[in-house]
Amino acid sequence: MEGIKHRTVEVNGIKMHIAEKGEGPIVLFIHGFPELWYSWRHQITAIAAHGYKAVAPDLRGYGDTDAPTAVTDYTCFHIVGDLIALIDTLGADQVFVVGHDWGAIIAWYLCLFRPDRVKALVNLSVPYLRRHPSVSFVNGFRSRFGDDYYICRFQEPGVMEAEFSQVNTATLVQNFLTSRRPGPAILPKGIVGTITPPLPSWLLAEDVNYYASKFEQKGFAGPLNYYRNFDRNWELTAPWSGGQVKVPTKFIVGDLDVVYTTPGMKEYIHSDWFKQDVPFLQEVVVMEGVAHFINQEKAHEVSKHICDFIKKF
């Protein structure tokens, strides 16, 4: 990670930590749960070496970025607002955007709300979540997968924070990052941290310890608040019901990804519906033998996919 610089910027009423490297057109990397800017460490170096400026923030609630206490301070509009302010601070009219997991969800919203600020999008793992006009996200998930579906379990403030606190933070992070269980992600009470796969070759103990150190400092309330705004986001985005993401897009997922293997997701990704929702979708890449944390598990391949796409623009 030599040459990666760190600084704090004021955006949308909060202090945000960003990591950056390189010079040239800006590539904005948006991380997911339970992650940090650090999840993009390999891509930052690779993209910078190809003549771009890589910028990866800790999102609101994570790492060295401020974490407002109110659940309602984590809507898609707050997060997208943070990123628009960051783009302004960087002095750019447009940026390339790369998102993963919750970062992909936020990237879809960013492109839906402000396509004028995005040159092209590469999203990993989570496809566009089409808004049903009468069924909220959480109710839809609960009706299909039950109360123990992880998104449903994350809804009540304080509950998962208490469960997470009973497990060593490094063990918890390792459990999340190395899981290869297929979807849907069912999380019965008491199971957190009980099954911890060994470290794979792509994840070092020092990586796990870095994540753990930041979550021990900041806690998990902010990150969990993203999930607690699923239904609030559904309510607030009614004006965009049926809207399309009109940005050139490449989508990448692993065939073992917990999202891809969740019933209905694979079918949507390979259907005309995805193309209807994202009419400028140019490529869908399914990587074999790869699970959810694809940008870390297959760092070189993902970096090449990103470079090969954005260089077209």
C-alpha atoms as a PDB file:
ATOM      1  CA  MET A   1       0.000   0.000   0.000  1.00  0.00           C
ATOM      2  CA  GLU A   2       2.992   2.230  -0.515  1.00  0.00           C
ATOM      3  CA  GLY A   3       2.121   5.702  -1.732  1.00  0.00           C
ATOM      4  CA  ILE A   4      -1.507   5.721  -0.560  1.00  0.00           C
ATOM      5  CA  LYS A   5      -2.197   9.081   1.070  1.00  0.00           C
ATOM      6  CA  HIS A   6      -4.795   9.758   3.720  1.00  0.00           C
ATOM      7  CA  ARG A   7      -6.651  12.912   4.626  1.00  0.00           C
ATOM      8  CA  THR A   8      -9.908  14.138   6.145  1.00  0.00           C
ATOM      9  CA  VAL A   9     -12.342  16.328   4.224  1.00  0.00           C
ATOM     10  CA  GLU A  10     -15.517  18.151   5.241  1.00  0.00           C
ATOM     11  CA  VAL A  11     -18.528  16.869   3.305  1.00  0.00           C
ATOM     12  CA  ASN A  12     -22.250  17.346   3.875  1.00  0.00           C
ATOM     13  CA  GLY A  13     -21.824  18.277   7.533  1.00  0.00           C
ATOM     14  CA  ILE A  14     -19.453  15.443   8.502  1.00  0.00           C
ATOM     15  CA  LYS A  15     -15.711  14.789   8.473  1.00  0.00           C
ATOM     16  CA  MET A  16     -14.846  12.023   6.005  1.00  0.00           C
ATOM     17  CA  HIS A  17     -11.604  10.074   5.811  1.00  0.00           C
ATOM     18  CA  ILE A  18     -10.376   9.275   2.310  1.00  0.00           C
ATOM     19  CA  ALA A  19      -7.485   7.245   0.929  1.00  0.00           C
ATOM     20  CA  GLU A  20      -6.113   8.303  -2.447  1.00  0.00           C
ATOM     21  CA  LYS A  21      -3.331   7.563  -4.882  1.00  0.00           C
ATOM     22  CA  GLY A  22      -2.355   8.551  -8.414  1.00  0.00           C
ATOM     23  CA  GLU A  23      -3.079  11.375 -10.821  1.00  0.00           C
ATOM     24  CA  GLY A  24      -5.584  11.575 -13.656  1.00  0.00           C
ATOM     25  CA  PRO A  25      -9.319  10.969 -14.055  1.00  0.00           C
ATOM     26  CA  ILE A  26     -10.881  10.112 -10.694  1.00  0.00           C
ATOM     27  CA  VAL A  27     -12.117   6.623  -9.870  1.00  0.00           C
ATOM     28  CA  LEU A  28     -14.313   6.683  -6.754  1.00  0.00           C
ATOM     29  CA  PHE A  29     -14.424   3.391  -4.839  1.00  0.00           C
ATOM     30  CA  ILE A  30     -17.397   2.760  -2.519  1.00  0.00           C
ATOM     31  CA  HIS A  31     -17.059  -0.044   0.033  1.00  0.00           C
ATOM     32  CA  GLY A  32     -19.671  -2.300   1.599  1.00  0.00           C
ATOM     33  CA  PHE A  33     -20.435  -4.012   4.924  1.00  0.00           C
ATOM     34  CA  PRO A  34     -18.556  -4.745   7.131  1.00  0.00           C
ATOM     35  CA  GLU A  35     -15.686  -3.050   5.346  1.00  0.00           C
ATOM     36  CA  LEU A  36     -13.634   0.124   4.945  1.00  0.00           C
ATOM     37  CA  TRP A  37     -11.632   1.991   2.318  1.00  0.00           C
ATOM     38  CA  TYR A  38      -9.118  -0.807   2.968  1.00  0.00           C
ATOM     39  CA  SER A  39     -11.210  -3.287   0.963  1.00  0.00           C
ATOM     40  CA  TRP A  40     -10.029  -1.474  -2.166  1.00  0.00           C
ATOM     41  CA  ARG A  41      -6.311  -1.512  -1.240  1.00  0.00           C
ATOM     42  CA  HIS A  42      -5.397  -3.695  -4.233  1.00  0.00           C
ATOM     43  CA  GLN A  43      -7.523  -1.737  -6.720  1.00  0.00           C
ATOM     44  CA  ILE A  44      -6.218   1.629  -5.507  1.00  0.00           C
ATOM     45  CA  THR A  45      -2.673   0.638  -6.361  1.00  0.00           C
ATOM     46  CA  ALA A  46      -3.597  -1.028  -9.661  1.00  0.00           C
ATOM     47  CA  ILE A  47      -5.819   1.796 -10.911  1.00  0.00           C
ATOM     48  CA  ALA A  48      -3.302   4.483  -9.943  1.00  0.00           C
ATOM     49  CA  ALA A  49      -0.624   2.619 -11.939  1.00  0.00           C
ATOM     50  CA  HIS A  50      -2.828   2.921 -15.039  1.00  0.00           C
ATOM     51  CA  GLY A  51      -3.015   6.709 -14.992  1.00  0.00           C
ATOM     52  CA  TYR A  52      -6.012   7.349 -12.755  1.00  0.00           C
ATOM     53  CA  LYS A  53      -6.532   8.982  -9.381  1.00  0.00           C
ATOM     54  CA  ALA A  54      -8.067   6.386  -7.059  1.00  0.00           C
ATOM     55  CA  VAL A  55     -10.148   7.731  -4.173  1.00  0.00           C
ATOM     56  CA  ALA A  56     -11.670   5.457  -1.523  1.00  0.00           C
ATOM     57  CA  PRO A  57     -13.530   6.945   1.447  1.00  0.00           C
ATOM     58  CA  ASP A  58     -14.608   5.383   4.684  1.00  0.00           C
ATOM     59  CA  LEU A  59     -18.354   5.858   4.320  1.00  0.00           C
ATOM     60  CA  ARG A  60     -20.470   7.650   6.924  1.00  0.00           C
ATOM     61  CA  GLY A  61     -20.435   5.567  10.118  1.00  0.00           C
ATOM     62  CA  TYR A  62     -17.282   3.636   9.231  1.00  0.00           C
ATOM     63  CA  GLY A  63     -13.604   3.750  10.140  1.00  0.00           C
ATOM     64  CA  ASP A  64     -12.174   7.243  10.519  1.00  0.00           C
ATOM     65  CA  THR A  65     -15.252   9.023   9.137  1.00  0.00           C
ATOM     66  CA  ASP A  66     -17.816  10.596  11.465  1.00  0.00           C
ATOM     67  CA  ALA A  67     -20.696   8.409  12.667  1.00  0.00           C
ATOM     68  CA  PRO A  68     -23.891  10.352  13.438  1.00  0.00           C
ATOM     69  CA  THR A  69     -25.940   8.681  16.167  1.00  0.00           C
ATOM     70  CA  ALA A  70     -29.435   8.955  14.662  1.00  0.00           C
ATOM     71  CA  VAL A  71     -30.628   6.010  12.568  1.00  0.00           C
ATOM     72  CA  THR A  72     -32.347   8.482  10.240  1.00  0.00           C
ATOM     73  CA  ASP A  73     -28.983  10.052   9.338  1.00  0.00           C
ATOM     74  CA  TYR A  74     -28.109   7.065   7.136  1.00  0.00           C
ATOM     75  CA  THR A  75     -30.606   7.257   4.280  1.00  0.00           C
ATOM     76  CA  CYS A  76     -29.509   6.875   0.681  1.00  0.00           C
ATOM     77  CA  PHE A  77     -29.829  10.651   0.336  1.00  0.00           C
ATOM     78  CA  HIS A  78     -27.386  11.262   3.191  1.00  0.00           C
ATOM     79  CA  ILE A  79     -24.819   8.849   1.755  1.00  0.00           C
ATOM     80  CA  VAL A  80     -25.188  10.055  -1.836  1.00  0.00           C
ATOM     81  CA  GLY A  81     -25.037  13.620  -0.510  1.00  0.00           C
ATOM     82  CA  ASP A  82     -21.721  12.817   1.167  1.00  0.00           C
ATOM     83  CA  LEU A  83     -20.333  11.478  -2.106  1.00  0.00           C
ATOM     84  CA  ILE A  84     -21.540  14.391  -4.233  1.00  0.00           C
ATOM     85  CA  ALA A  85     -19.881  16.754  -1.739  1.00  0.00           C
ATOM     86  CA  LEU A  86     -16.715  14.640  -1.951  1.00  0.00           C
ATOM     87  CA  ILE A  87     -16.730  14.834  -5.757  1.00  0.00           C
ATOM     88  CA  ASP A  88     -17.136  18.608  -5.459  1.00  0.00           C
ATOM     89  CA  THR A  89     -14.271  18.776  -2.963  1.00  0.00           C
ATOM     90  CA  LEU A  90     -12.084  16.848  -5.390  1.00  0.00           C
ATOM     91  CA  GLY A  91     -12.853  19.472  -8.023  1.00  0.00           C
ATOM     92  CA  ALA A  92     -14.313  17.014 -10.524  1.00  0.00           C
ATOM     93  CA  ASP A  93     -17.330  17.414 -12.771  1.00  0.00           C
ATOM     94  CA  GLN A  94     -17.555  13.668 -13.316  1.00  0.00           C
ATOM     95  CA  VAL A  95     -15.926  10.541 -11.879  1.00  0.00           C
ATOM     96  CA  PHE A  96     -15.819   6.843 -12.577  1.00  0.00           C
ATOM     97  CA  VAL A  97     -17.579   4.893  -9.813  1.00  0.00           C
ATOM     98  CA  VAL A  98     -16.859   1.394  -8.523  1.00  0.00           C
ATOM     99  CA  GLY A  99     -19.090  -0.083  -5.813  1.00  0.00           C
ATOM    100  CA  HIS A 100     -19.333  -3.339  -3.893  1.00  0.00           C
ATOM    101  CA  ASP A 101     -22.060  -4.699  -1.577  1.00  0.00           C
ATOM    102  CA  TRP A 102     -23.675  -1.678   0.149  1.00  0.00           C
ATOM    103  CA  GLY A 103     -21.288   0.422  -1.896  1.00  0.00           C
ATOM    104  CA  ALA A 104     -22.964  -1.005  -4.996  1.00  0.00           C
ATOM    105  CA  ILE A 105     -26.412  -0.116  -3.652  1.00  0.00           C
ATOM    106  CA  ILE A 106     -25.227   3.434  -2.968  1.00  0.00           C
ATOM    107  CA  ALA A 107     -23.607   3.573  -6.412  1.00  0.00           C
ATOM    108  CA  TRP A 108     -26.916   2.603  -8.052  1.00  0.00           C
ATOM    109  CA  TYR A 109     -28.616   5.422  -6.119  1.00  0.00           C
ATOM    110  CA  LEU A 110     -25.838   7.855  -7.020  1.00  0.00           C
ATOM    111  CA  CYS A 111     -26.287   7.064 -10.711  1.00  0.00           C
ATOM    112  CA  LEU A 112     -30.083   7.170 -10.426  1.00  0.00           C
ATOM    113  CA  PHE A 113     -30.107  10.580  -8.708  1.00  0.00           C
ATOM    114  CA  ARG A 114     -27.078  12.238 -10.329  1.00  0.00           C
ATOM    115  CA  PRO A 115     -26.100  10.516 -13.585  1.00  0.00           C
ATOM    116  CA  ASP A 116     -24.540  13.813 -14.675  1.00  0.00           C
ATOM    117  CA  ARG A 117     -21.700  13.261 -12.182  1.00  0.00           C
ATOM    118  CA  VAL A 118     -20.768   9.706 -13.251  1.00  0.00           C
ATOM    119  CA  LYS A 119     -18.810   8.822 -16.416  1.00  0.00           C
ATOM    120  CA  ALA A 120     -19.251   5.073 -16.041  1.00  0.00           C
ATOM    121  CA  LEU A 121     -20.046   2.526 -13.329  1.00  0.00           C
ATOM    122  CA  VAL A 122     -18.545  -0.817 -12.366  1.00  0.00           C
ATOM    123  CA  ASN A 123     -20.646  -2.519  -9.694  1.00  0.00           C
ATOM    124  CA  LEU A 124     -19.791  -5.718  -7.863  1.00  0.00           C
ATOM    125  CA  SER A 125     -22.003  -8.352  -6.221  1.00  0.00           C
ATOM    126  CA  VAL A 126     -25.302  -6.493  -5.727  1.00  0.00           C
ATOM    127  CA  PRO A 127     -27.460  -5.800  -8.799  1.00  0.00           C
ATOM    128  CA  TYR A 128     -29.920  -2.953  -9.072  1.00  0.00           C
ATOM    129  CA  LEU A 129     -32.725  -3.400  -6.521  1.00  0.00           C
ATOM    130  CA  ARG A 130     -35.910  -2.622  -8.396  1.00  0.00           C
ATOM    131  CA  ARG A 131     -38.413  -0.699  -6.259  1.00  0.00           C
ATOM    132  CA  HIS A 132     -41.752  -2.482  -5.916  1.00  0.00           C
ATOM    133  CA  PRO A 133     -44.523   0.145  -5.898  1.00  0.00           C
ATOM    134  CA  SER A 134     -46.448  -1.402  -2.986  1.00  0.00           C
ATOM    135  CA  VAL A 135     -44.111  -3.764  -1.093  1.00  0.00           C
ATOM    136  CA  SER A 136     -41.249  -2.306   0.934  1.00  0.00           C
ATOM    137  CA  PHE A 137     -37.818  -3.891   0.766  1.00  0.00           C
ATOM    138  CA  VAL A 138     -37.816  -5.385   4.280  1.00  0.00           C
ATOM    139  CA  ASN A 139     -41.389  -6.689   4.021  1.00  0.00           C
ATOM    140  CA  GLY A 140     -40.486  -8.263   0.716  1.00  0.00           C
ATOM    141  CA  PHE A 141     -37.388  -9.924   2.165  1.00  0.00           C
ATOM    142  CA  ARG A 142     -39.303 -11.119   5.237  1.00  0.00           C
ATOM    143  CA  SER A 143     -42.141 -12.630   3.204  1.00  0.00           C
ATOM    144  CA  ARG A 144     -39.656 -14.567   1.043  1.00  0.00           C
ATOM    145  CA  PHE A 145     -36.972 -15.590   3.528  1.00  0.00           C
ATOM    146  CA  GLY A 146     -38.451 -15.227   7.034  1.00  0.00           C
ATOM    147  CA  ASP A 147     -37.573 -13.284  10.184  1.00  0.00           C
ATOM    148  CA  ASP A 148     -34.070 -14.772  10.419  1.00  0.00           C
ATOM    149  CA  TYR A 149     -33.007 -13.383   7.068  1.00  0.00           C
ATOM    150  CA  TYR A 150     -30.003 -11.215   7.944  1.00  0.00           C
ATOM    151  CA  ILE A 151     -31.533  -7.931   6.717  1.00  0.00           C
ATOM    152  CA  CYS A 152     -34.593  -8.565   8.895  1.00  0.00           C
ATOM    153  CA  ARG A 153     -32.395  -9.433  11.869  1.00  0.00           C
ATOM    154  CA  PHE A 154     -30.471  -6.174  11.453  1.00  0.00           C
ATOM    155  CA  GLN A 155     -33.555  -3.943  11.754  1.00  0.00           C
ATOM    156  CA  GLU A 156     -33.988  -3.425  15.512  1.00  0.00           C
ATOM    157  CA  PRO A 157     -31.477  -0.884  16.886  1.00  0.00           C
ATOM    158  CA  GLY A 158     -29.155  -2.340  19.487  1.00  0.00           C
ATOM    159  CA  VAL A 159     -29.995  -6.007  18.958  1.00  0.00           C
ATOM    160  CA  MET A 160     -27.213  -7.020  16.564  1.00  0.00           C
ATOM    161  CA  GLU A 161     -24.779  -4.629  18.216  1.00  0.00           C
ATOM    162  CA  ALA A 162     -25.303  -6.615  21.432  1.00  0.00           C
ATOM    163  CA  GLU A 163     -24.864  -9.942  19.654  1.00  0.00           C
ATOM    164  CA  PHE A 164     -21.720  -8.746  17.881  1.00  0.00           C
ATOM    165  CA  SER A 165     -20.274  -7.544  21.192  1.00  0.00           C
ATOM    166  CA  GLN A 166     -20.314 -11.119  22.495  1.00  0.00           C
ATOM    167  CA  VAL A 167     -17.827 -12.178  19.805  1.00  0.00           C
ATOM    168  CA  ASN A 168     -14.181 -11.207  19.390  1.00  0.00           C
ATOM    169  CA  THR A 169     -14.178  -8.486  16.717  1.00  0.00           C
ATOM    170  CA  ALA A 170     -11.410 -10.064  14.640  1.00  0.00           C
ATOM    171  CA  THR A 171     -13.272 -13.387  14.711  1.00  0.00           C
ATOM    172  CA  LEU A 172     -16.459 -11.620  13.655  1.00  0.00           C
ATOM    173  CA  VAL A 173     -14.767  -9.838  10.742  1.00  0.00           C
ATOM    174  CA  GLN A 174     -13.064 -13.047   9.629  1.00  0.00           C
ATOM    175  CA  ASN A 175     -16.395 -14.854   9.778  1.00  0.00           C
ATOM    176  CA  PHE A 176     -18.014 -12.305   7.469  1.00  0.00           C
ATOM    177  CA  LEU A 177     -15.161 -11.940   4.987  1.00  0.00           C
ATOM    178  CA  THR A 178     -14.416 -15.649   4.555  1.00  0.00           C
ATOM    179  CA  SER A 179     -17.947 -17.078   4.522  1.00  0.00           C
ATOM    180  CA  ARG A 180     -18.793 -19.104   1.447  1.00  0.00           C
ATOM    181  CA  ARG A 181     -22.277 -20.129   2.519  1.00  0.00           C
ATOM    182  CA  PRO A 182     -24.791 -19.709  -0.309  1.00  0.00           C
ATOM    183  CA  GLY A 183     -27.774 -17.407  -0.072  1.00  0.00           C
ATOM    184  CA  PRO A 184     -30.200 -16.584   1.277  1.00  0.00           C
ATOM    185  CA  ALA A 185     -28.150 -15.418   4.272  1.00  0.00           C
ATOM    186  CA  ILE A 186     -30.056 -16.762   7.275  1.00  0.00           C
ATOM    187  CA  LEU A 187     -28.730 -15.592  10.637  1.00  0.00           C
ATOM    188  CA  PRO A 188     -30.460 -17.302  13.590  1.00  0.00           C
ATOM    189  CA  LYS A 189     -29.852 -15.802  16.999  1.00  0.00           C
ATOM    190  CA  GLY A 190     -26.656 -17.096  18.593  1.00  0.00           C
ATOM    191  CA  ILE A 191     -24.978 -18.265  15.392  1.00  0.00           C
ATOM    192  CA  VAL A 192     -22.775 -15.170  14.933  1.00  0.00           C
ATOM    193  CA  GLY A 193     -19.113 -16.078  15.237  1.00  0.00           C
ATOM    194  CA  THR A 194     -19.711 -19.785  15.853  1.00  0.00           C
ATOM    195  CA  ILE A 195     -18.424 -20.905  12.438  1.00  0.00           C
ATOM    196  CA  THR A 196     -15.152 -19.265  11.415  1.00  0.00           C
ATOM    197  CA  PRO A 197     -13.490 -20.608   8.266  1.00  0.00           C
ATOM    198  CA  PRO A 198      -9.670 -20.554   8.183  1.00  0.00           C
ATOM    199  CA  LEU A 199      -7.960 -17.600   6.552  1.00  0.00           C
ATOM    200  CA  PRO A 200      -7.698 -17.997   2.770  1.00  0.00           C
ATOM    201  CA  SER A 201      -4.570 -17.013   0.857  1.00  0.00           C
ATOM    202  CA  TRP A 202      -6.093 -13.678  -0.185  1.00  0.00           C
ATOM    203  CA  LEU A 203      -6.762 -12.482   3.379  1.00  0.00           C
ATOM    204  CA  LEU A 204      -3.976 -12.019   5.907  1.00  0.00           C
ATOM    205  CA  ALA A 205      -4.229 -11.841   9.685  1.00  0.00           C
ATOM    206  CA  GLU A 206      -2.972  -8.243   9.469  1.00  0.00           C
ATOM    207  CA  ASP A 207      -5.886  -7.419   7.139  1.00  0.00           C
ATOM    208  CA  VAL A 208      -8.404  -8.833   9.600  1.00  0.00           C
ATOM    209  CA  ASN A 209      -6.734  -6.999  12.468  1.00  0.00           C
ATOM    210  CA  TYR A 210      -6.902  -3.677  10.620  1.00  0.00           C
ATOM    211  CA  TYR A 211     -10.645  -4.047  10.085  1.00  0.00           C
ATOM    212  CA  ALA A 212     -11.121  -5.195  13.668  1.00  0.00           C
ATOM    213  CA  SER A 213      -9.200  -2.238  15.094  1.00  0.00           C
ATOM    214  CA  LYS A 214     -11.483   0.226  13.332  1.00  0.00           C
ATOM    215  CA  PHE A 215     -14.713  -1.560  14.278  1.00  0.00           C
ATOM    216  CA  GLU A 216     -13.557  -1.809  17.881  1.00  0.00           C
ATOM    217  CA  GLN A 217     -13.111   1.971  17.880  1.00  0.00           C
ATOM    218  CA  LYS A 218     -16.288   2.885  16.021  1.00  0.00           C
ATOM    219  CA  GLY A 219     -18.657  -0.003  16.692  1.00  0.00           C
ATOM    220  CA  PHE A 220     -21.257  -1.422  14.314  1.00  0.00           C
ATOM    221  CA  ALA A 221     -24.236   0.888  14.890  1.00  0.00           C
ATOM    222  CA  GLY A 222     -23.453   3.173  11.934  1.00  0.00           C
ATOM    223  CA  PRO A 223     -22.924   0.335   9.445  1.00  0.00           C
ATOM    224  CA  LEU A 224     -26.079  -1.456  10.655  1.00  0.00           C
ATOM    225  CA  ASN A 225     -28.054   1.764  10.261  1.00  0.00           C
ATOM    226  CA  TYR A 226     -27.729   1.413   6.476  1.00  0.00           C
ATOM    227  CA  TYR A 227     -29.905  -1.714   6.729  1.00  0.00           C
ATOM    228  CA  ARG A 228     -32.320   0.065   9.072  1.00  0.00           C
ATOM    229  CA  ASN A 229     -32.986   2.588   6.329  1.00  0.00           C
ATOM    230  CA  PHE A 230     -33.972   0.060   3.659  1.00  0.00           C
ATOM    231  CA  ASP A 231     -37.670   0.814   4.143  1.00  0.00           C
ATOM    232  CA  ARG A 232     -37.118   4.539   4.678  1.00  0.00           C
ATOM    233  CA  ASN A 233     -35.216   4.594   1.392  1.00  0.00           C
ATOM    234  CA  TRP A 234     -38.123   2.746  -0.220  1.00  0.00           C
ATOM    235  CA  GLU A 235     -40.513   5.427   1.024  1.00  0.00           C
ATOM    236  CA  LEU A 236     -38.295   8.352   0.041  1.00  0.00           C
ATOM    237  CA  THR A 237     -37.549   7.061  -3.453  1.00  0.00           C
ATOM    238  CA  ALA A 238     -41.186   6.801  -4.547  1.00  0.00           C
ATOM    239  CA  PRO A 239     -40.561   9.547  -7.167  1.00  0.00           C
ATOM    240  CA  TRP A 240     -37.988   7.246  -8.800  1.00  0.00           C
ATOM    241  CA  SER A 241     -40.267   4.208  -8.948  1.00  0.00           C
ATOM    242  CA  GLY A 242     -39.755   2.717 -12.385  1.00  0.00           C
ATOM    243  CA  GLY A 243     -36.731   4.949 -12.957  1.00  0.00           C
ATOM    244  CA  GLN A 244     -33.713   3.795 -14.916  1.00  0.00           C
ATOM    245  CA  VAL A 245     -29.979   3.998 -14.255  1.00  0.00           C
ATOM    246  CA  LYS A 246     -28.735   5.662 -17.426  1.00  0.00           C
ATOM    247  CA  VAL A 247     -24.976   5.364 -16.962  1.00  0.00           C
ATOM    248  CA  PRO A 248     -22.649   3.009 -18.896  1.00  0.00           C
ATOM    249  CA  THR A 249     -22.347   0.005 -16.586  1.00  0.00           C
ATOM    250  CA  LYS A 250     -20.399  -3.204 -16.078  1.00  0.00           C
ATOM    251  CA  PHE A 251     -21.586  -5.687 -13.444  1.00  0.00           C
ATOM    252  CA  ILE A 252     -19.340  -8.343 -11.893  1.00  0.00           C
ATOM    253  CA  VAL A 253     -20.330 -11.127  -9.489  1.00  0.00           C
ATOM    254  CA  GLY A 254     -18.947 -14.455  -8.283  1.00  0.00           C
ATOM    255  CA  ASP A 255     -20.959 -17.605  -8.870  1.00  0.00           C
ATOM    256  CA  LEU A 256     -20.601 -18.471  -5.162  1.00  0.00           C
ATOM    257  CA  ASP A 257     -21.667 -15.000  -3.988  1.00  0.00           C
ATOM    258  CA  VAL A 258     -24.290 -15.030  -1.238  1.00  0.00           C
ATOM    259  CA  VAL A 259     -26.276 -12.477  -3.256  1.00  0.00           C
ATOM    260  CA  TYR A 260     -26.015 -14.309  -6.588  1.00  0.00           C
ATOM    261  CA  THR A 261     -27.099 -17.579  -4.946  1.00  0.00           C
ATOM    262  CA  THR A 262     -30.104 -15.994  -3.218  1.00  0.00           C
ATOM    263  CA  PRO A 263     -33.302 -17.158  -4.955  1.00  0.00           C
ATOM    264  CA  GLY A 264     -34.393 -14.671  -7.611  1.00  0.00           C
ATOM    265  CA  MET A 265     -31.118 -12.765  -7.881  1.00  0.00           C
ATOM    266  CA  LYS A 266     -29.406 -14.926 -10.511  1.00  0.00           C
ATOM    267  CA  GLU A 267     -32.612 -14.940 -12.537  1.00  0.00           C
ATOM    268  CA  TYR A 268     -32.873 -11.141 -12.407  1.00  0.00           C
ATOM    269  CA  ILE A 269     -29.205 -10.599 -13.315  1.00  0.00           C
ATOM    270  CA  HIS A 270     -29.560 -12.711 -16.454  1.00  0.00           C
ATOM    271  CA  SER A 271     -32.998 -11.403 -17.418  1.00  0.00           C
ATOM    272  CA  ASP A 272     -34.215  -8.574 -19.608  1.00  0.00           C
ATOM    273  CA  TRP A 273     -35.402  -6.827 -16.425  1.00  0.00           C
ATOM    274  CA  PHE A 274     -31.851  -5.916 -15.417  1.00  0.00           C
ATOM    275  CA  LYS A 275     -31.287  -4.434 -18.866  1.00  0.00           C
ATOM    276  CA  GLN A 276     -34.602  -2.561 -18.635  1.00  0.00           C
ATOM    277  CA  ASP A 277     -33.605  -1.029 -15.304  1.00  0.00           C
ATOM    278  CA  VAL A 278     -30.027  -0.316 -16.461  1.00  0.00           C
ATOM    279  CA  PRO A 279     -30.392   0.301 -20.225  1.00  0.00           C
ATOM    280  CA  PHE A 280     -26.703   1.134 -20.690  1.00  0.00           C
ATOM    281  CA  LEU A 281     -25.598  -2.134 -19.068  1.00  0.00           C
ATOM    282  CA  GLN A 282     -22.768  -3.267 -21.330  1.00  0.00           C
ATOM    283  CA  GLU A 283     -21.328  -6.317 -19.603  1.00  0.00           C
ATOM    284  CA  VAL A 284     -22.274  -8.903 -16.987  1.00  0.00           C
ATOM    285  CA  VAL A 285     -19.310 -10.953 -15.763  1.00  0.00           C
ATOM    286  CA  VAL A 286     -19.791 -14.056 -13.591  1.00  0.00           C
ATOM    287  CA  MET A 287     -16.490 -15.234 -12.105  1.00  0.00           C
ATOM    288  CA  GLU A 288     -16.338 -18.940 -11.314  1.00  0.00           C
ATOM    289  CA  GLY A 289     -15.457 -20.204  -7.862  1.00  0.00           C
ATOM    290  CA  VAL A 290     -15.571 -16.744  -6.291  1.00  0.00           C
ATOM    291  CA  ALA A 291     -17.661 -15.674  -3.296  1.00  0.00           C
ATOM    292  CA  HIS A 292     -18.967 -12.309  -2.083  1.00  0.00           C
ATOM    293  CA  PHE A 293     -15.806 -10.323  -1.284  1.00  0.00           C
ATOM    294  CA  ILE A 294     -14.722 -10.548  -4.890  1.00  0.00           C
ATOM    295  CA  ASN A 295     -12.535  -7.436  -5.002  1.00  0.00           C
ATOM    296  CA  GLN A 296     -10.287  -8.961  -2.346  1.00  0.00           C
ATOM    297  CA  GLU A 297     -10.515 -12.624  -3.334  1.00  0.00           C
ATOM    298  CA  LYS A 298      -9.721 -11.961  -6.996  1.00  0.00           C
ATOM    299  CA  ALA A 299      -8.001  -8.602  -6.688  1.00  0.00           C
ATOM    300  CA  HIS A 300      -5.928  -8.732  -9.878  1.00  0.00           C
ATOM    301  CA  GLU A 301      -8.772  -9.956 -12.064  1.00  0.00           C
ATOM    302  CA  VAL A 302     -11.224  -7.391 -10.708  1.00  0.00           C
ATOM    303  CA  SER A 303      -8.713  -4.566 -11.152  1.00  0.00           C
ATOM    304  CA  LYS A 304      -8.218  -5.633 -14.775  1.00  0.00           C
ATOM    305  CA  HIS A 305     -11.974  -5.753 -15.360  1.00  0.00           C
ATOM    306  CA  ILE A 306     -12.281  -2.200 -14.003  1.00  0.00           C
ATOM    307  CA  CYS A 307      -9.397  -0.864 -16.112  1.00  0.00           C
ATOM    308  CA  ASP A 308     -10.586  -2.596 -19.277  1.00  0.00           C
ATOM    309  CA  PHE A 309     -14.008  -0.987 -18.904  1.00  0.00           C
ATOM    310  CA  ILE A 310     -13.228   2.568 -17.851  1.00  0.00           C
ATOM    311  CA  LYS A 311     -10.502   3.017 -20.463  1.00  0.00           C
ATOM    312  CA  LYS A 312     -13.281   2.980 -23.073  1.00  0.00           C
ATOM    313  CA  PHE A 313     -14.384   6.385 -21.818  1.00  0.00           C
END
